[in-house]
Amino acid sequence: MNSEDQRFFDDCRSLFLTDGWKHFQNEINVALQSLNLGAINSSEEFWKAKGKFETLLQVAGWENAVLAAEQQSEDSE
């Protein structure tokens, strides 16, 4: 792993340990749980909700994705 990648993973791990990150993840999970498909009344609302849902899922899974990429990088060495 090159030094730039190592620094990225180190910075991310430091971020993931902060209380701010944990609070942010809690807010993302609340937002995911608050999406109400029953309240959608039009196709336009559906597509907006779908986009919001997919974005929230991506943010919610970012920590796991980074940690998996780090592990994969270490395993390939």
C-alpha atoms as a PDB file:
ATOM      1  CA  MET A   1       0.000   0.000   0.000  1.00  0.00           C
ATOM      2  CA  ASN A   2       1.425   3.376  -0.897  1.00  0.00           C
ATOM      3  CA  SER A   3       1.783   6.138   1.667  1.00  0.00           C
ATOM      4  CA  GLU A   4      -1.124   8.164   0.274  1.00  0.00           C
ATOM      5  CA  ASP A   5      -3.503   5.208   0.622  1.00  0.00           C
ATOM      6  CA  GLN A   6      -2.168   4.447   4.101  1.00  0.00           C
ATOM      7  CA  ARG A   7      -2.761   8.040   5.194  1.00  0.00           C
ATOM      8  CA  PHE A   8      -6.313   7.929   3.784  1.00  0.00           C
ATOM      9  CA  PHE A   9      -7.133   4.763   5.725  1.00  0.00           C
ATOM     10  CA  ASP A  10      -5.488   6.115   8.894  1.00  0.00           C
ATOM     11  CA  ASP A  11      -7.469   9.352   8.610  1.00  0.00           C
ATOM     12  CA  CYS A  12     -10.706   7.445   8.050  1.00  0.00           C
ATOM     13  CA  ARG A  13     -10.096   5.151  11.032  1.00  0.00           C
ATOM     14  CA  SER A  14      -9.456   8.219  13.192  1.00  0.00           C
ATOM     15  CA  LEU A  15     -12.701   9.761  11.951  1.00  0.00           C
ATOM     16  CA  PHE A  16     -14.690   6.604  12.645  1.00  0.00           C
ATOM     17  CA  LEU A  17     -13.590   6.670  16.301  1.00  0.00           C
ATOM     18  CA  THR A  18     -14.957  10.152  16.975  1.00  0.00           C
ATOM     19  CA  ASP A  19     -18.203  10.885  18.780  1.00  0.00           C
ATOM     20  CA  GLY A  20     -19.152  13.206  15.920  1.00  0.00           C
ATOM     21  CA  TRP A  21     -19.018  10.329  13.438  1.00  0.00           C
ATOM     22  CA  LYS A  22     -21.140   8.162  15.735  1.00  0.00           C
ATOM     23  CA  HIS A  23     -23.718  10.960  16.076  1.00  0.00           C
ATOM     24  CA  PHE A  24     -23.709  11.449  12.304  1.00  0.00           C
ATOM     25  CA  GLN A  25     -24.297   7.728  11.734  1.00  0.00           C
ATOM     26  CA  ASN A  26     -27.182   7.802  14.228  1.00  0.00           C
ATOM     27  CA  GLU A  27     -28.757  10.701  12.314  1.00  0.00           C
ATOM     28  CA  ILE A  28     -28.357   8.816   9.037  1.00  0.00           C
ATOM     29  CA  ASN A  29     -30.072   5.769  10.544  1.00  0.00           C
ATOM     30  CA  VAL A  30     -32.925   7.921  11.865  1.00  0.00           C
ATOM     31  CA  ALA A  31     -33.347   9.439   8.408  1.00  0.00           C
ATOM     32  CA  LEU A  32     -33.417   5.973   6.824  1.00  0.00           C
ATOM     33  CA  GLN A  33     -36.033   4.779   9.279  1.00  0.00           C
ATOM     34  CA  SER A  34     -38.173   7.872   8.778  1.00  0.00           C
ATOM     35  CA  LEU A  35     -38.669   7.304   5.061  1.00  0.00           C
ATOM     36  CA  ASN A  36     -42.338   6.455   4.693  1.00  0.00           C
ATOM     37  CA  LEU A  37     -43.305   4.749   1.443  1.00  0.00           C
ATOM     38  CA  GLY A  38     -46.959   4.941   2.401  1.00  0.00           C
ATOM     39  CA  ALA A  39     -46.840   8.724   2.221  1.00  0.00           C
ATOM     40  CA  ILE A  40     -45.702   8.763  -1.404  1.00  0.00           C
ATOM     41  CA  ASN A  41     -48.487  10.060  -3.634  1.00  0.00           C
ATOM     42  CA  SER A  42     -46.827  10.479  -7.011  1.00  0.00           C
ATOM     43  CA  SER A  43     -44.129   9.028  -9.193  1.00  0.00           C
ATOM     44  CA  GLU A  44     -42.100  12.214  -8.722  1.00  0.00           C
ATOM     45  CA  GLU A  45     -42.190  11.766  -4.925  1.00  0.00           C
ATOM     46  CA  PHE A  46     -41.249   8.109  -5.390  1.00  0.00           C
ATOM     47  CA  TRP A  47     -38.145   8.916  -7.426  1.00  0.00           C
ATOM     48  CA  LYS A  48     -37.087  11.606  -4.953  1.00  0.00           C
ATOM     49  CA  ALA A  49     -37.530   9.177  -2.048  1.00  0.00           C
ATOM     50  CA  LYS A  50     -35.621   6.479  -3.942  1.00  0.00           C
ATOM     51  CA  GLY A  51     -32.712   8.865  -4.539  1.00  0.00           C
ATOM     52  CA  LYS A  52     -32.707   9.952  -0.901  1.00  0.00           C
ATOM     53  CA  PHE A  53     -32.815   6.320   0.256  1.00  0.00           C
ATOM     54  CA  GLU A  54     -29.923   5.275  -1.980  1.00  0.00           C
ATOM     55  CA  THR A  55     -27.831   8.266  -0.893  1.00  0.00           C
ATOM     56  CA  LEU A  56     -28.476   7.596   2.783  1.00  0.00           C
ATOM     57  CA  LEU A  57     -27.573   3.924   2.323  1.00  0.00           C
ATOM     58  CA  GLN A  58     -24.324   4.890   0.634  1.00  0.00           C
ATOM     59  CA  VAL A  59     -23.389   7.246   3.476  1.00  0.00           C
ATOM     60  CA  ALA A  60     -24.476   4.711   6.105  1.00  0.00           C
ATOM     61  CA  GLY A  61     -22.276   2.042   4.513  1.00  0.00           C
ATOM     62  CA  TRP A  62     -19.238   4.216   3.830  1.00  0.00           C
ATOM     63  CA  GLU A  63     -17.379   3.185   6.993  1.00  0.00           C
ATOM     64  CA  ASN A  64     -17.785  -0.510   6.194  1.00  0.00           C
ATOM     65  CA  ALA A  65     -16.749   0.086   2.581  1.00  0.00           C
ATOM     66  CA  VAL A  66     -13.577   1.917   3.613  1.00  0.00           C
ATOM     67  CA  LEU A  67     -12.643  -0.725   6.176  1.00  0.00           C
ATOM     68  CA  ALA A  68     -13.257  -3.504   3.635  1.00  0.00           C
ATOM     69  CA  ALA A  69     -11.120  -1.684   1.048  1.00  0.00           C
ATOM     70  CA  GLU A  70      -8.338  -1.307   3.611  1.00  0.00           C
ATOM     71  CA  GLN A  71      -8.500  -5.004   4.455  1.00  0.00           C
ATOM     72  CA  GLN A  72      -8.481  -5.941   0.783  1.00  0.00           C
ATOM     73  CA  SER A  73      -5.482  -3.691   0.204  1.00  0.00           C
ATOM     74  CA  GLU A  74      -3.610  -5.298   3.109  1.00  0.00           C
ATOM     75  CA  ASP A  75      -4.520  -8.807   1.946  1.00  0.00           C
ATOM     76  CA  SER A  76      -3.216  -8.125  -1.564  1.00  0.00           C
ATOM     77  CA  GLU A  77       0.228  -7.164  -0.266  1.00  0.00           C
END
